[in-house]
Amino acid sequence: MSKSIAAGRLKLSLGNLESLPAMPEIARRLLMLPLDTESGEKQMIALVEKDPQISARVIGLANSSAMGSQRQIKGIRDAAMLLGMQRLKSVALGIATMSAMLKQPAGKYFDPHDFWTHSMTIAIVMHAIAGAMPKRIRPDENLIFLAGLLHDIGLAALHHLDYEASEELHHQMCLNPKAPIPEVETELLGVTHAEIGAQLVRHWNLPAEIADVVGSHHSPPTGKEAYANPLIRLVSIAERLLPDFGFAEHTFGPVFDDEWRELCIDSTRVDEIVAIANELALQVVQLPEVQHETVQEVQAHEEALLEAAPKAQDTDLPVTRGRFAALLYAVKRIAASLKFW
């Protein structure tokens, strides 16, 4: 497929709002539910309980040490007690929208499961970084997770709208390991995933802060504008702490002292935050529902991984793989490079 054909076809799709994916019905209902009444809370719990995929992922997340769980969470009501109703709504909303966008089959260069792992991890790491910020400037906790889950939704939308263009983009990313993704996208498609995602989020009438994150996370504003929405900087930093985590996006690069100061985070805490980010990444990858596996299957994959790791070091396999073992090995390589593993 030529670049001009890919760009023209995608431009046609984006120019027609009706061609953009509709917000899933369950996400629309979650968004409209008020949580300031007992009735609203009961309706939300019932709504989440009725969706097996959302329920499984919410319960799995609540059971993870990344969420600070000290006991086994067996149902949505338990998860609500741990996470709080507002955060449960945010998590469920993010999962509902992401799940609807990732129904296309995996390609050779883009795997929705790896994309899901990346998005989940960035959301959790953002939450950890925000915890080091002073409370007076910390973003709304209920938006942090949603922003992290949806920051790259433009890539999922591209996969949904034009499977071939999506595959070609990720192929080009593998062929150009030093090129930032916005440059490759602009040359190939004439539009970036940030622009696609921001248009989709606005089409869905999600909060303006989320649209700003989706549209600007690869080029965060500076100066006074940066303080208006610290969620953008949180995403940018989280992606650079875990570069190419899950799939090739080429977010390598240092996080400068000015960026930490922008979030009012003392530079002496940076090493601690880096270590926490890598530990959280390992915890997320080991969640069984990340790859729809049982705990026993996860443990079997880890054992097989340890045996295969020395051979894998001599290969040039890209990080993106549908198999749990390859992804976990990639995470451990990233952590080792940061002197944590």
Protein backbone atom coordinates (compact mmCIF):
# COMPACT_ATOMS: atom_id res chain seq x y z
CA MET A 1 0.00 0.00 0.00
CA SER A 2 1.47 3.36 -1.03
CA LYS A 3 1.82 6.22 1.42
CA SER A 4 -0.49 8.45 -0.62
CA ILE A 5 -3.24 5.82 -0.69
CA ALA A 6 -2.93 5.16 3.06
CA ALA A 7 -3.02 8.88 3.88
CA GLY A 8 -5.92 9.59 1.50
CA ARG A 9 -8.06 6.75 2.76
CA LEU A 10 -7.44 7.62 6.40
CA LYS A 11 -8.15 11.31 5.79
CA LEU A 12 -11.48 10.34 4.23
CA SER A 13 -12.38 8.23 7.26
CA LEU A 14 -11.41 10.93 9.76
CA GLY A 15 -13.23 13.61 7.79
CA ASN A 16 -16.49 11.77 8.36
CA LEU A 17 -17.28 11.73 12.08
CA GLU A 18 -19.79 8.95 11.52
CA SER A 19 -16.92 6.68 10.47
CA LEU A 20 -15.31 7.05 13.88
CA PRO A 21 -16.19 4.27 16.31
CA ALA A 22 -19.24 4.98 18.44
CA MET A 23 -18.76 5.09 22.18
CA PRO A 24 -19.67 1.64 23.55
CA GLU A 25 -23.10 1.60 25.14
CA ILE A 26 -21.78 0.51 28.52
CA ALA A 27 -19.23 3.36 28.50
CA ARG A 28 -21.94 5.86 27.61
CA ARG A 29 -24.10 4.65 30.49
CA LEU A 30 -21.17 4.72 32.91
CA LEU A 31 -20.35 8.27 31.89
CA MET A 32 -23.92 9.42 32.56
CA LEU A 33 -24.33 7.72 35.93
CA PRO A 34 -24.29 10.10 38.93
CA LEU A 35 -22.42 8.78 41.95
CA ASP A 36 -23.76 11.25 44.49
CA THR A 37 -26.68 8.97 45.36
CA GLU A 38 -26.95 5.45 46.70
CA SER A 39 -29.09 4.55 43.70
CA GLY A 40 -26.40 5.73 41.27
CA GLU A 41 -23.74 3.69 43.03
CA LYS A 42 -25.89 0.55 42.95
CA GLN A 43 -26.61 1.04 39.25
CA MET A 44 -22.91 1.37 38.46
CA ILE A 45 -21.94 -1.77 40.36
CA ALA A 46 -24.74 -3.69 38.64
CA LEU A 47 -23.68 -2.36 35.25
CA VAL A 48 -20.05 -3.40 35.72
CA GLU A 49 -21.03 -6.80 37.13
CA LYS A 50 -23.03 -7.57 33.97
CA ASP A 51 -19.97 -7.23 31.71
CA PRO A 52 -17.69 -10.27 32.20
CA GLN A 53 -14.67 -8.71 30.46
CA ILE A 54 -14.78 -5.45 32.42
CA SER A 55 -15.49 -7.29 35.69
CA ALA A 56 -12.54 -9.66 35.21
CA ARG A 57 -10.11 -6.85 34.47
CA VAL A 58 -11.35 -4.63 37.32
CA ILE A 59 -11.11 -7.48 39.83
CA GLY A 60 -7.69 -8.51 38.51
CA LEU A 61 -6.44 -4.94 38.83
CA ALA A 62 -7.88 -4.59 42.33
CA ASN A 63 -6.08 -7.78 43.39
CA SER A 64 -2.71 -6.55 42.18
CA SER A 65 -0.10 -5.30 44.61
CA ALA A 66 0.14 -2.28 42.31
CA MET A 67 -3.20 -1.17 43.79
CA GLY A 68 -2.08 -1.89 47.34
CA SER A 69 -4.49 -4.77 47.86
CA GLN A 70 -3.93 -6.54 51.18
CA ARG A 71 -6.63 -9.18 50.73
CA GLN A 72 -8.25 -11.15 47.94
CA ILE A 73 -10.84 -9.20 46.01
CA LYS A 74 -13.55 -11.58 44.84
CA GLY A 75 -16.15 -9.29 43.29
CA ILE A 76 -16.98 -5.82 42.03
CA ARG A 77 -18.41 -4.75 45.39
CA ASP A 78 -15.10 -5.60 47.07
CA ALA A 79 -13.25 -3.77 44.30
CA ALA A 80 -15.45 -0.72 44.86
CA MET A 81 -14.53 -0.69 48.55
CA LEU A 82 -10.83 -0.82 47.72
CA LEU A 83 -10.76 1.61 44.78
CA GLY A 84 -13.62 3.90 45.75
CA MET A 85 -16.66 4.52 43.58
CA GLN A 86 -15.21 7.37 41.54
CA ARG A 87 -12.03 5.48 40.69
CA LEU A 88 -14.02 2.32 39.93
CA LYS A 89 -16.09 4.36 37.47
CA SER A 90 -12.97 5.80 35.86
CA VAL A 91 -11.30 2.38 35.57
CA ALA A 92 -14.44 0.72 34.18
CA LEU A 93 -14.96 3.56 31.69
CA GLY A 94 -11.39 3.27 30.45
CA ILE A 95 -11.60 -0.51 30.15
CA ALA A 96 -14.94 -0.33 28.32
CA THR A 97 -13.71 2.16 25.72
CA MET A 98 -10.38 0.40 25.20
CA SER A 99 -11.95 -3.05 24.90
CA ALA A 100 -14.32 -1.86 22.20
CA MET A 101 -11.43 -0.46 20.17
CA LEU A 102 -9.31 -3.60 20.31
CA LYS A 103 -11.59 -6.15 18.68
CA GLN A 104 -9.56 -6.33 15.48
CA PRO A 105 -7.23 -9.36 15.33
CA ALA A 106 -3.54 -8.96 16.08
CA GLY A 107 -1.32 -8.19 13.13
CA LYS A 108 2.30 -9.02 12.50
CA TYR A 109 3.46 -5.69 13.91
CA PHE A 110 0.65 -4.59 16.24
CA ASP A 111 -0.91 -6.78 18.90
CA PRO A 112 -3.91 -5.36 20.85
CA HIS A 113 -2.91 -7.38 23.94
CA ASP A 114 0.51 -5.74 24.04
CA PHE A 115 -1.15 -2.36 23.50
CA TRP A 116 -3.48 -3.05 26.42
CA THR A 117 -0.52 -3.95 28.66
CA HIS A 118 1.26 -0.74 27.68
CA SER A 119 -1.79 1.41 28.42
CA MET A 120 -2.54 -0.26 31.75
CA THR A 121 1.07 0.08 32.88
CA ILE A 122 1.36 3.75 31.95
CA ALA A 123 -1.87 4.46 33.86
CA ILE A 124 -0.58 2.78 37.01
CA VAL A 125 2.88 4.40 36.78
CA MET A 126 1.23 7.81 36.31
CA HIS A 127 -0.68 7.21 39.53
CA ALA A 128 2.57 6.41 41.34
CA ILE A 129 4.33 9.52 40.01
CA ALA A 130 1.36 11.69 40.96
CA GLY A 131 1.65 10.34 44.49
CA ALA A 132 4.99 12.17 44.79
CA MET A 133 3.36 15.49 43.88
CA PRO A 134 2.04 17.90 46.53
CA LYS A 135 -1.68 17.36 47.04
CA ARG A 136 -2.47 20.98 46.20
CA ILE A 137 -1.42 20.54 42.55
CA ARG A 138 -2.04 16.82 42.11
CA PRO A 139 -4.47 16.05 39.25
CA ASP A 140 -7.91 14.67 39.93
CA GLU A 141 -7.21 11.06 40.93
CA ASN A 142 -10.23 9.90 38.97
CA LEU A 143 -8.81 11.30 35.75
CA ILE A 144 -5.27 9.93 36.17
CA PHE A 145 -6.16 6.34 35.38
CA LEU A 146 -8.50 7.27 32.54
CA ALA A 147 -5.85 9.52 30.97
CA GLY A 148 -3.26 6.75 31.19
CA LEU A 149 -5.52 4.13 29.65
CA LEU A 150 -6.64 6.35 26.79
CA HIS A 151 -3.48 8.35 26.00
CA ASP A 152 -2.66 6.22 22.93
CA ILE A 153 -6.23 5.46 21.91
CA GLY A 154 -5.47 7.02 18.53
CA LEU A 155 -3.36 3.95 17.73
CA ALA A 156 -6.26 1.68 18.64
CA ALA A 157 -8.57 3.84 16.52
CA LEU A 158 -6.18 3.58 13.57
CA HIS A 159 -6.11 -0.22 13.96
CA HIS A 160 -9.91 -0.17 13.99
CA LEU A 161 -10.35 2.24 11.06
CA ASP A 162 -7.61 0.99 8.75
CA TYR A 163 -5.93 -2.30 9.63
CA GLU A 164 -3.45 -2.12 6.74
CA ALA A 165 -2.36 1.44 7.54
CA SER A 166 -1.89 0.45 11.18
CA GLU A 167 0.28 -2.51 10.22
CA GLU A 168 2.37 -0.38 7.87
CA LEU A 169 2.89 2.27 10.55
CA HIS A 170 4.18 -0.25 13.10
CA HIS A 171 6.29 -1.91 10.43
CA GLN A 172 7.92 1.44 9.69
CA MET A 173 8.49 1.99 13.40
CA CYS A 174 10.44 -1.26 13.52
CA LEU A 175 12.46 -0.24 10.45
CA ASN A 176 13.25 3.22 11.85
CA PRO A 177 14.22 2.62 15.49
CA LYS A 178 15.46 6.17 16.07
CA ALA A 179 12.56 8.05 14.47
CA PRO A 180 9.94 9.55 16.84
CA ILE A 181 6.50 8.16 16.10
CA PRO A 182 4.93 11.55 15.21
CA GLU A 183 7.50 11.98 12.40
CA VAL A 184 6.83 8.52 10.96
CA GLU A 185 3.06 9.00 11.21
CA THR A 186 3.10 12.41 9.53
CA GLU A 187 5.20 11.12 6.64
CA LEU A 188 3.17 7.93 6.18
CA LEU A 189 -0.36 9.02 7.06
CA GLY A 190 -0.38 12.80 7.12
CA VAL A 191 -1.79 12.68 10.65
CA THR A 192 -0.59 11.46 14.05
CA HIS A 193 -2.22 9.03 16.44
CA ALA A 194 -2.42 11.91 18.93
CA GLU A 195 -4.57 13.89 16.50
CA ILE A 196 -6.75 10.88 15.68
CA GLY A 197 -7.21 10.08 19.36
CA ALA A 198 -8.05 13.65 20.37
CA GLN A 199 -10.69 13.82 17.65
CA LEU A 200 -12.21 10.54 18.85
CA VAL A 201 -12.23 11.61 22.51
CA ARG A 202 -13.96 14.86 21.63
CA HIS A 203 -16.41 12.91 19.46
CA TRP A 204 -17.24 10.85 22.53
CA ASN A 205 -17.66 13.97 24.71
CA LEU A 206 -15.13 12.78 27.28
CA PRO A 207 -13.62 15.40 29.62
CA ALA A 208 -11.58 18.13 27.92
CA GLU A 209 -8.57 17.27 30.09
CA ILE A 210 -8.48 13.79 28.55
CA ALA A 211 -8.65 15.20 25.01
CA ASP A 212 -5.69 17.47 25.86
CA VAL A 213 -3.68 14.52 27.16
CA VAL A 214 -4.41 12.40 24.12
CA GLY A 215 -3.57 15.22 21.72
CA SER A 216 -0.44 16.56 23.42
CA HIS A 217 1.31 13.73 25.27
CA HIS A 218 4.18 13.59 22.74
CA SER A 219 4.63 17.36 22.81
CA PRO A 220 3.64 18.64 26.27
CA PRO A 221 3.15 22.39 26.68
CA THR A 222 5.79 24.34 28.55
CA GLY A 223 5.82 27.40 30.76
CA LYS A 224 2.57 28.56 32.35
CA GLU A 225 0.48 26.35 30.02
CA ALA A 226 2.11 23.26 31.49
CA TYR A 227 0.54 23.87 34.90
CA ALA A 228 -2.99 23.93 33.48
CA ASN A 229 -3.05 20.16 32.92
CA PRO A 230 -0.25 18.19 34.64
CA LEU A 231 -1.77 14.95 33.32
CA ILE A 232 -0.01 15.62 30.01
CA ARG A 233 3.41 15.78 31.66
CA LEU A 234 2.63 12.68 33.74
CA VAL A 235 1.98 10.63 30.60
CA SER A 236 5.08 11.98 28.88
CA ILE A 237 7.33 11.13 31.82
CA ALA A 238 5.79 7.68 32.38
CA GLU A 239 6.37 6.73 28.73
CA ARG A 240 10.01 7.80 28.89
CA LEU A 241 10.59 5.88 32.11
CA LEU A 242 9.38 2.76 30.25
CA PRO A 243 10.40 3.38 26.63
CA ASP A 244 8.90 1.06 24.02
CA PHE A 245 7.11 -0.88 26.73
CA GLY A 246 4.74 -3.29 25.00
CA PHE A 247 5.28 -1.96 21.49
CA ALA A 248 7.67 0.29 19.59
CA GLU A 249 6.76 3.94 20.07
CA HIS A 250 10.31 5.31 20.40
CA THR A 251 9.76 7.34 23.55
CA PHE A 252 13.42 7.12 24.55
CA GLY A 253 14.93 10.22 26.09
CA PRO A 254 15.86 11.72 29.44
CA VAL A 255 13.42 13.33 31.83
CA PHE A 256 14.90 16.72 32.61
CA ASP A 257 15.01 18.37 36.03
CA ASP A 258 12.70 21.13 34.81
CA GLU A 259 10.02 18.54 34.12
CA TRP A 260 10.19 17.14 37.64
CA ARG A 261 10.10 20.69 39.02
CA GLU A 262 7.03 21.37 36.89
CA LEU A 263 5.28 18.67 38.92
CA CYS A 264 6.88 19.97 42.15
CA ILE A 265 8.73 16.68 42.60
CA ASP A 266 12.14 16.89 44.26
CA SER A 267 14.93 15.59 41.99
CA THR A 268 16.29 13.54 44.92
CA ARG A 269 13.26 11.25 44.55
CA VAL A 270 13.83 10.46 40.88
CA ASP A 271 15.77 7.22 41.43
CA GLU A 272 13.06 6.02 43.80
CA ILE A 273 10.35 6.81 41.23
CA VAL A 274 12.26 5.01 38.45
CA ALA A 275 12.57 1.92 40.65
CA ILE A 276 8.87 2.03 41.52
CA ALA A 277 7.93 2.43 37.85
CA ASN A 278 9.86 -0.67 36.86
CA GLU A 279 8.49 -2.71 39.76
CA LEU A 280 4.95 -1.70 38.85
CA ALA A 281 5.58 -2.63 35.21
CA LEU A 282 6.63 -6.12 36.26
CA GLN A 283 3.55 -6.46 38.46
CA VAL A 284 1.19 -5.43 35.67
CA VAL A 285 2.72 -7.85 33.18
CA GLN A 286 2.22 -10.65 35.66
CA LEU A 287 -1.51 -9.98 36.01
CA PRO A 288 -3.20 -13.09 34.54
CA GLU A 289 -5.94 -11.09 32.81
CA VAL A 290 -3.40 -9.03 30.87
CA GLN A 291 -3.05 -11.97 28.48
CA HIS A 292 -6.26 -13.79 29.53
CA GLU A 293 -4.26 -16.50 31.24
CA THR A 294 -4.67 -18.37 34.51
CA VAL A 295 -2.21 -17.95 37.34
CA GLN A 296 -0.90 -21.46 36.65
CA GLU A 297 -0.26 -20.59 32.99
CA VAL A 298 1.54 -17.40 34.01
CA GLN A 299 3.82 -19.33 36.36
CA ALA A 300 4.53 -21.93 33.66
CA HIS A 301 5.43 -19.16 31.21
CA GLU A 302 7.81 -17.59 33.75
CA GLU A 303 9.61 -20.91 34.26
CA ALA A 304 9.94 -21.40 30.51
CA LEU A 305 11.18 -17.83 30.19
CA LEU A 306 14.01 -18.34 32.66
CA GLU A 307 15.27 -21.29 30.63
CA ALA A 308 14.99 -19.43 27.32
CA ALA A 309 16.35 -16.04 28.44
CA PRO A 310 20.07 -16.65 27.62
CA LYS A 311 19.16 -17.59 24.02
CA ALA A 312 16.74 -14.68 23.70
CA GLN A 313 19.51 -12.20 24.53
CA ASP A 314 21.23 -13.04 21.24
CA THR A 315 18.14 -12.34 19.14
CA ASP A 316 16.83 -9.10 17.70
CA LEU A 317 13.18 -9.83 18.49
CA PRO A 318 11.21 -6.59 18.88
CA VAL A 319 9.51 -5.98 22.22
CA THR A 320 6.06 -6.33 20.70
CA ARG A 321 4.88 -9.95 20.92
CA GLY A 322 1.56 -11.54 21.79
CA ARG A 323 3.17 -14.11 24.01
CA PHE A 324 3.53 -13.33 27.71
CA ALA A 325 7.04 -14.75 27.96
CA ALA A 326 8.53 -12.51 25.28
CA LEU A 327 6.92 -9.42 26.79
CA LEU A 328 8.04 -10.23 30.32
CA TYR A 329 11.58 -10.79 29.08
CA ALA A 330 11.47 -7.40 27.38
CA VAL A 331 10.33 -5.77 30.62
CA LYS A 332 13.20 -7.35 32.51
CA ARG A 333 15.68 -6.08 29.92
CA ILE A 334 14.29 -2.55 30.33
CA ALA A 335 14.52 -2.80 34.10
CA ALA A 336 18.09 -4.11 33.90
CA SER A 337 19.12 -1.18 31.72
CA LEU A 338 17.89 1.13 34.48
CA LYS A 339 19.90 -0.80 37.09
CA PHE A 340 16.81 -2.02 38.89
CA TRP A 341 16.39 -5.68 37.99
